[in-house]
Amino acid sequence: MRRASALPIAPVALFAPWLCIACGGPIVEAEDLSLDITGDEAPTSTSTGTDSDTESTGDTTTDTTTDTTATTGDPDSFRVAIFADSHVVGPEYQGGDENLLSAAMQLEGVRWEIEHIVPPPDFAVIIGDLVHDAYPTDDQSFYEQNPSAFSIVDDILTSFPVPVYQVFGESDYAVPKFPRTLSHALFAYFFVKEPYYAVDHGGWRFVFSNSQYGPTFDPMTVFSDTTKGSYGPVQLTWLADKVDDGVPTVVFSHFPIGSTVVDEAVNNAPYPDMRSLLSAAADVELIFTGHSHVWTSTPAEFGAPHYEVGATRYDTDNFILMEFNLDGSYEFLDIDKVQWNTPNADHWVYDQGTPMPAP
């Protein structure tokens, strides 16, 4: 049986997009682990499934395993920084939105904040919408040979002091103008990432799903509607395997689960959509999403606590610091920083070991 989070649940709302969720959050117990992990070395394996459900992507499937060592100084725990929605524009952007024009600077600000976390996180996650209005052409070589929103984001993320795992968001695609295959090729070129994948680290599994991989982002189907997320039957089958493996799991999806379609794959029994899949997944402990640009917390409507993370394009304090333990428990280290139902978070400091409000 899942041990529910003791965190207070706040209604859906806006908050500033710079977020560090503050220390003092309760420790939540998860399911017992079946992984064999000893000492401070946790096997990290990344596996991905990338067969397109509705179009040919040209993607490949890869499986890798790498030993990693936690950097917290505690062999039984590690930290992860989570943020979302940078919306960086390229030099071709002709709009006058000051918020978008400063989006790259905002992402640099998040990098600076994470650089000063002591002890540092093992890795960071950005939950989609890395770029904005970023497709002047469908010529892949143009992006490889010229400055673009993709190259700007790549340069910034490469300068982070820790690895950064990317999730696709709807703004990272140009559907219906250009096919998804172009976006997948650009992510592979700049970020060396598949459309969806999973990473095992420190006794936990982190699943980076793609909520644009299904029929709502295929303009050739009657289900096409890019205001809603979908995953497609191939990814749903892959996800069902990843979240039912005896390993405590964190799921990332750009679209909030409540904004994804129901019965998108009616022949994909027993899970025709992401909602039914997560509701039945005993190993999923947390769900993090982006897209709404505001901090929102909802109860375990889809089987686990669900958090929408505020956008960095509005506030460089919009990131959250988590600590995960080998025994399957986790802790929000800065949850008190979040201004729920707003697009804001308070400024905290992270260089003293324990995150705390800035003086």
Protein backbone atom coordinates (compact mmCIF):
# COMPACT_ATOMS: atom_id res chain seq x y z
CA MET A 1 0.00 0.00 0.00
CA ARG A 2 1.26 3.48 -0.84
CA ARG A 3 2.13 5.66 2.13
CA ALA A 4 0.60 8.99 1.25
CA SER A 5 2.48 12.25 1.35
CA ALA A 6 1.94 14.34 4.46
CA LEU A 7 2.50 17.55 2.52
CA PRO A 8 -0.41 19.99 2.61
CA ILE A 9 -2.33 20.04 -0.65
CA ALA A 10 -2.91 23.45 -2.18
CA PRO A 11 -5.48 24.12 -4.89
CA VAL A 12 -4.35 24.64 -8.46
CA ALA A 13 -2.97 28.10 -8.90
CA LEU A 14 -0.37 30.44 -10.28
CA PHE A 15 2.98 31.14 -8.75
CA ALA A 16 6.15 32.82 -9.72
CA PRO A 17 8.28 30.79 -12.01
CA TRP A 18 11.53 30.93 -10.01
CA LEU A 19 11.20 28.25 -7.40
CA CYS A 20 13.25 26.50 -4.76
CA ILE A 21 11.02 24.50 -2.50
CA ALA A 22 12.24 24.97 0.99
CA CYS A 23 13.55 22.74 3.67
CA GLY A 24 11.44 21.39 6.42
CA GLY A 25 9.21 19.22 4.25
CA PRO A 26 8.13 15.92 5.76
CA ILE A 27 9.86 12.68 4.98
CA VAL A 28 7.59 10.34 3.06
CA GLU A 29 8.03 6.60 3.12
CA ALA A 30 7.79 4.67 -0.13
CA GLU A 31 7.50 1.03 -1.05
CA ASP A 32 10.27 -1.39 -0.07
CA LEU A 33 13.00 -1.64 -2.67
CA SER A 34 13.87 -4.73 -4.63
CA LEU A 35 17.07 -3.22 -6.00
CA ASP A 36 20.38 -4.54 -4.79
CA ILE A 37 22.31 -1.36 -4.00
CA THR A 38 25.20 -1.17 -1.59
CA GLY A 39 27.47 1.55 -0.30
CA ASP A 40 27.56 4.83 -2.17
CA GLU A 41 27.48 3.35 -5.65
CA ALA A 42 24.06 3.18 -7.24
CA PRO A 43 23.66 1.61 -10.66
CA THR A 44 22.22 4.05 -13.14
CA SER A 45 20.64 2.60 -16.24
CA THR A 46 18.93 4.56 -18.94
CA SER A 47 16.49 2.85 -21.25
CA THR A 48 14.26 4.36 -23.85
CA GLY A 49 11.54 3.38 -26.21
CA THR A 50 11.08 5.62 -29.19
CA ASP A 51 8.91 3.93 -31.80
CA SER A 52 6.40 6.51 -32.94
CA ASP A 53 2.78 5.58 -32.47
CA THR A 54 1.40 7.63 -35.36
CA GLU A 55 4.33 8.51 -37.59
CA SER A 56 7.86 7.38 -38.40
CA THR A 57 10.37 9.19 -36.21
CA GLY A 58 13.65 7.71 -37.30
CA ASP A 59 14.50 7.34 -33.62
CA THR A 60 16.40 4.42 -32.17
CA THR A 61 16.15 2.56 -28.91
CA THR A 62 19.16 2.55 -26.60
CA ASP A 63 20.02 0.92 -23.30
CA THR A 64 22.98 2.02 -21.20
CA THR A 65 24.19 1.33 -17.69
CA THR A 66 26.54 3.61 -15.80
CA ASP A 67 27.76 3.54 -12.20
CA THR A 68 27.31 6.83 -10.40
CA THR A 69 28.23 8.13 -6.97
CA ALA A 70 26.02 10.45 -4.95
CA THR A 71 27.50 13.88 -4.28
CA THR A 72 25.63 14.71 -1.07
CA GLY A 73 28.32 13.20 1.12
CA ASP A 74 25.69 10.76 2.39
CA PRO A 75 25.94 7.35 0.69
CA ASP A 76 22.29 6.68 1.48
CA SER A 77 20.74 9.73 -0.19
CA PHE A 78 21.01 12.10 -3.12
CA ARG A 79 19.48 15.39 -4.21
CA VAL A 80 17.68 16.41 -7.40
CA ALA A 81 16.81 19.94 -8.57
CA ILE A 82 13.62 20.24 -10.64
CA PHE A 83 12.49 23.17 -12.80
CA ALA A 84 10.38 23.80 -15.91
CA ASP A 85 9.39 26.02 -18.83
CA SER A 86 12.38 28.17 -19.74
CA HIS A 87 10.86 29.25 -23.11
CA VAL A 88 14.14 30.54 -24.56
CA VAL A 89 13.86 32.28 -27.94
CA GLY A 90 16.42 32.42 -30.73
CA PRO A 91 17.91 35.39 -32.62
CA GLU A 92 15.13 35.16 -35.22
CA TYR A 93 12.49 36.09 -32.63
CA GLN A 94 10.80 39.34 -33.72
CA GLY A 95 8.31 39.75 -30.88
CA GLY A 96 8.42 42.36 -28.18
CA ASP A 97 7.63 40.21 -25.15
CA GLU A 98 10.24 41.30 -22.61
CA ASN A 99 9.64 38.15 -20.62
CA LEU A 100 10.63 35.99 -23.58
CA LEU A 101 13.54 38.24 -24.50
CA SER A 102 14.97 37.72 -21.00
CA ALA A 103 14.21 33.98 -20.85
CA ALA A 104 17.82 32.93 -21.53
CA MET A 105 19.00 35.22 -18.74
CA GLN A 106 16.41 33.65 -16.45
CA LEU A 107 17.74 30.18 -17.24
CA GLU A 108 21.25 31.45 -16.48
CA GLY A 109 19.90 32.61 -13.13
CA VAL A 110 18.61 29.13 -12.35
CA ARG A 111 22.01 27.73 -13.27
CA TRP A 112 23.65 30.15 -10.81
CA GLU A 113 21.25 29.13 -8.03
CA ILE A 114 21.85 25.43 -8.58
CA GLU A 115 25.60 26.00 -8.78
CA HIS A 116 25.50 27.31 -5.19
CA ILE A 117 23.59 24.40 -3.65
CA VAL A 118 25.65 22.71 -0.91
CA PRO A 119 25.80 19.76 -1.00
CA PRO A 120 25.05 19.73 -4.72
CA PRO A 121 22.31 17.71 -6.39
CA ASP A 122 23.31 14.66 -8.37
CA PHE A 123 21.37 15.96 -11.36
CA ALA A 124 18.67 18.40 -12.45
CA VAL A 125 15.50 18.02 -14.52
CA ILE A 126 13.78 20.54 -16.79
CA ILE A 127 10.16 19.53 -17.46
CA GLY A 128 9.70 20.74 -21.02
CA ASP A 129 9.21 23.92 -23.06
CA LEU A 130 12.94 24.55 -23.24
CA VAL A 131 12.47 26.76 -26.31
CA HIS A 132 9.78 29.07 -27.69
CA ASP A 133 8.83 30.00 -31.26
CA ALA A 134 12.08 28.31 -32.23
CA TYR A 135 11.47 26.93 -35.75
CA PRO A 136 12.26 29.32 -38.63
CA THR A 137 12.84 26.37 -41.00
CA ASP A 138 12.53 22.60 -41.30
CA ASP A 139 16.16 22.33 -42.44
CA GLN A 140 17.98 20.52 -39.63
CA SER A 141 21.38 21.69 -40.88
CA PHE A 142 20.32 25.31 -40.31
CA TYR A 143 20.09 24.69 -36.57
CA GLU A 144 23.36 22.80 -36.53
CA GLN A 145 25.22 25.60 -38.33
CA ASN A 146 23.61 28.77 -36.94
CA PRO A 147 22.75 30.24 -33.53
CA SER A 148 19.26 29.21 -32.47
CA ALA A 149 17.11 28.80 -29.39
CA PHE A 150 18.32 25.20 -29.25
CA SER A 151 22.01 26.13 -29.29
CA ILE A 152 21.44 28.84 -26.66
CA VAL A 153 19.71 26.38 -24.32
CA ASP A 154 22.35 23.76 -25.01
CA ASP A 155 25.14 26.17 -24.08
CA ILE A 156 23.42 27.12 -20.83
CA LEU A 157 22.51 23.59 -19.77
CA THR A 158 26.02 22.39 -20.61
CA SER A 159 27.36 25.00 -18.19
CA PHE A 160 25.27 23.62 -15.31
CA PRO A 161 27.45 22.06 -12.59
CA VAL A 162 25.41 18.82 -12.75
CA PRO A 163 23.86 16.75 -15.55
CA VAL A 164 20.47 18.00 -16.75
CA TYR A 165 17.76 15.66 -18.01
CA GLN A 166 15.29 17.19 -20.48
CA VAL A 167 11.61 16.45 -21.00
CA PHE A 168 9.81 17.44 -24.20
CA GLY A 169 7.10 20.13 -23.95
CA GLU A 170 4.64 21.32 -26.57
CA SER A 171 6.72 24.44 -27.33
CA ASP A 172 9.66 22.18 -28.15
CA TYR A 173 7.67 21.01 -31.18
CA ALA A 174 6.41 22.94 -34.21
CA VAL A 175 3.32 20.82 -34.88
CA PRO A 176 1.51 21.15 -37.25
CA LYS A 177 3.97 23.38 -39.11
CA PHE A 178 6.79 20.83 -39.02
CA PRO A 179 6.77 17.10 -38.17
CA ARG A 180 7.78 15.76 -34.78
CA THR A 181 10.71 13.96 -36.40
CA LEU A 182 12.50 17.30 -36.79
CA SER A 183 12.16 18.06 -33.09
CA HIS A 184 13.35 14.58 -32.15
CA ALA A 185 16.38 15.00 -34.39
CA LEU A 186 17.21 18.38 -32.84
CA PHE A 187 16.91 17.07 -29.27
CA ALA A 188 19.16 14.16 -30.22
CA TYR A 189 21.71 16.53 -31.78
CA PHE A 190 21.79 19.20 -29.05
CA PHE A 191 20.85 17.31 -25.90
CA VAL A 192 21.57 13.66 -26.79
CA LYS A 193 18.10 12.71 -25.57
CA GLU A 194 15.41 10.40 -26.92
CA PRO A 195 11.74 11.46 -27.06
CA TYR A 196 11.17 9.54 -23.80
CA TYR A 197 13.41 7.53 -21.52
CA ALA A 198 14.03 6.37 -17.94
CA VAL A 199 16.99 6.60 -15.57
CA ASP A 200 17.64 4.43 -12.50
CA HIS A 201 19.67 6.23 -9.85
CA GLY A 202 20.30 5.56 -6.17
CA GLY A 203 17.55 2.99 -5.81
CA TRP A 204 14.98 5.17 -7.57
CA ARG A 205 13.61 5.27 -11.11
CA PHE A 206 13.03 8.57 -12.91
CA VAL A 207 10.72 8.32 -15.92
CA PHE A 208 10.86 11.16 -18.45
CA SER A 209 7.66 10.73 -20.43
CA ASN A 210 6.59 12.59 -23.56
CA SER A 211 3.06 14.01 -23.37
CA GLN A 212 3.20 15.09 -27.03
CA TYR A 213 3.95 11.65 -28.45
CA GLY A 214 0.37 10.54 -28.99
CA PRO A 215 -2.44 11.39 -31.42
CA THR A 216 -3.11 14.93 -30.17
CA PHE A 217 0.19 16.01 -31.73
CA ASP A 218 -0.34 14.14 -34.99
CA PRO A 219 -2.05 16.52 -37.45
CA MET A 220 -2.97 13.54 -39.64
CA THR A 221 -5.44 12.14 -37.09
CA VAL A 222 -8.94 13.23 -36.07
CA PHE A 223 -7.64 13.48 -32.49
CA SER A 224 -5.21 16.30 -33.29
CA ASP A 225 -5.43 18.98 -30.58
CA THR A 226 -2.16 20.44 -29.30
CA THR A 227 -3.87 21.97 -26.27
CA LYS A 228 -4.04 18.47 -24.78
CA GLY A 229 -1.41 15.90 -23.98
CA SER A 230 -1.29 12.30 -25.17
CA TYR A 231 1.29 9.52 -25.13
CA GLY A 232 0.34 6.92 -27.76
CA PRO A 233 -0.02 3.14 -27.33
CA VAL A 234 3.67 2.29 -27.79
CA GLN A 235 4.80 4.69 -25.08
CA LEU A 236 1.91 3.70 -22.79
CA THR A 237 2.98 0.06 -23.03
CA TRP A 238 6.58 1.06 -22.30
CA LEU A 239 5.48 3.22 -19.36
CA ALA A 240 3.36 0.43 -17.89
CA ASP A 241 6.49 -1.71 -17.70
CA LYS A 242 8.64 1.05 -16.21
CA VAL A 243 6.24 1.97 -13.38
CA ASP A 244 5.55 -1.60 -12.27
CA ASP A 245 8.99 -2.99 -11.60
CA GLY A 246 9.29 -2.96 -7.80
CA VAL A 247 11.29 0.30 -7.82
CA PRO A 248 10.08 3.59 -6.27
CA THR A 249 9.47 5.84 -9.25
CA VAL A 250 9.14 9.54 -10.08
CA VAL A 251 7.26 10.39 -13.29
CA PHE A 252 7.84 13.61 -15.24
CA SER A 253 5.35 14.82 -17.85
CA HIS A 254 5.16 18.28 -19.38
CA PHE A 255 1.37 18.33 -19.60
CA PRO A 256 -0.33 17.95 -16.21
CA ILE A 257 -2.04 14.59 -16.12
CA GLY A 258 -5.43 16.26 -15.82
CA SER A 259 -4.75 17.97 -19.17
CA THR A 260 -4.16 14.71 -21.04
CA VAL A 261 -6.83 12.91 -23.05
CA VAL A 262 -8.86 9.95 -21.85
CA ASP A 263 -9.11 6.72 -23.87
CA GLU A 264 -6.55 7.84 -26.43
CA ALA A 265 -5.66 4.21 -27.19
CA VAL A 266 -8.83 2.21 -26.58
CA ASN A 267 -7.25 -1.01 -27.86
CA ASN A 268 -4.27 -0.67 -25.52
CA ALA A 269 -5.73 -2.71 -22.65
CA PRO A 270 -5.56 -2.48 -19.73
CA TYR A 271 -4.30 1.12 -19.90
CA PRO A 272 -5.85 3.19 -22.71
CA ASP A 273 -4.44 6.45 -21.33
CA MET A 274 -1.96 7.93 -18.86
CA ARG A 275 -4.58 8.55 -16.18
CA SER A 276 -5.59 4.90 -15.88
CA LEU A 277 -1.97 3.76 -16.09
CA LEU A 278 -0.75 5.98 -13.24
CA SER A 279 -3.79 5.28 -11.08
CA ALA A 280 -2.92 1.58 -11.18
CA ALA A 281 0.87 1.99 -10.77
CA ALA A 282 1.87 0.89 -7.28
CA ASP A 283 5.48 2.04 -7.63
CA VAL A 284 4.90 5.69 -8.61
CA GLU A 285 5.60 7.92 -5.59
CA LEU A 286 5.60 11.40 -7.19
CA ILE A 287 4.45 13.10 -10.39
CA PHE A 288 6.01 16.39 -11.54
CA THR A 289 4.69 18.41 -14.48
CA GLY A 290 5.10 21.84 -16.04
CA HIS A 291 3.04 23.68 -18.67
CA SER A 292 0.77 25.79 -16.43
CA HIS A 293 3.67 28.08 -15.37
CA VAL A 294 2.30 28.21 -11.82
CA TRP A 295 2.90 26.22 -8.67
CA THR A 296 0.07 23.80 -8.04
CA SER A 297 -0.29 20.82 -5.75
CA THR A 298 -3.05 18.25 -6.06
CA PRO A 299 -3.77 15.10 -4.06
CA ALA A 300 -3.13 11.62 -5.35
CA GLU A 301 -5.94 11.76 -7.92
CA PHE A 302 -3.77 9.82 -10.36
CA GLY A 303 -2.24 7.44 -7.84
CA ALA A 304 0.50 9.71 -6.45
CA PRO A 305 0.97 13.34 -5.32
CA HIS A 306 1.05 15.62 -8.38
CA TYR A 307 3.01 18.90 -8.53
CA GLU A 308 2.97 21.50 -11.30
CA VAL A 309 6.24 23.45 -11.25
CA GLY A 310 6.35 27.21 -11.88
CA ALA A 311 8.15 28.50 -14.98
CA THR A 312 11.72 29.75 -14.84
CA ARG A 313 10.88 32.29 -17.56
CA TYR A 314 9.12 34.31 -14.86
CA ASP A 315 11.17 33.67 -11.74
CA THR A 316 14.62 32.17 -11.19
CA ASP A 317 13.51 30.93 -7.78
CA ASN A 318 11.14 28.52 -9.53
CA PHE A 319 12.92 25.28 -8.86
CA ILE A 320 12.48 22.67 -6.18
CA LEU A 321 15.14 20.68 -4.34
CA MET A 322 14.35 17.09 -3.45
CA GLU A 323 16.25 14.53 -1.41
CA PHE A 324 15.77 10.85 -2.19
CA ASN A 325 16.92 8.06 0.11
CA LEU A 326 17.99 4.50 -0.59
CA ASP A 327 15.29 3.23 1.78
CA GLY A 328 12.64 4.58 -0.60
CA SER A 329 11.74 7.71 1.35
CA TYR A 330 11.97 11.27 0.05
CA GLU A 331 11.90 14.82 1.39
CA PHE A 332 11.03 18.23 -0.03
CA LEU A 333 13.91 20.40 1.19
CA ASP A 334 12.41 23.80 0.35
CA ILE A 335 8.66 23.37 -0.05
CA ASP A 336 7.89 26.35 2.22
CA LYS A 337 9.37 28.66 -0.38
CA VAL A 338 6.56 28.10 -2.85
CA GLN A 339 3.83 30.72 -3.09
CA TRP A 340 1.03 28.37 -3.99
CA ASN A 341 -1.49 29.48 -6.58
CA THR A 342 0.75 32.27 -7.79
CA PRO A 343 3.58 32.50 -10.34
CA ASN A 344 6.11 33.19 -7.60
CA ALA A 345 8.41 31.65 -5.03
CA ASP A 346 10.40 33.23 -2.23
CA HIS A 347 14.16 33.55 -2.50
CA TRP A 348 16.09 31.02 -0.45
CA VAL A 349 19.79 30.33 0.06
CA TYR A 350 21.35 26.91 -0.40
CA ASP A 351 25.02 27.23 0.48
CA GLN A 352 24.76 26.33 4.18
CA GLY A 353 23.80 22.68 3.83
CA THR A 354 20.19 23.20 4.86
CA PRO A 355 18.12 25.40 2.52
CA MET A 356 16.65 28.41 4.29
CA PRO A 357 14.93 31.74 3.54
CA ALA A 358 17.30 34.47 2.38
CA PRO A 359 18.12 36.97 5.16
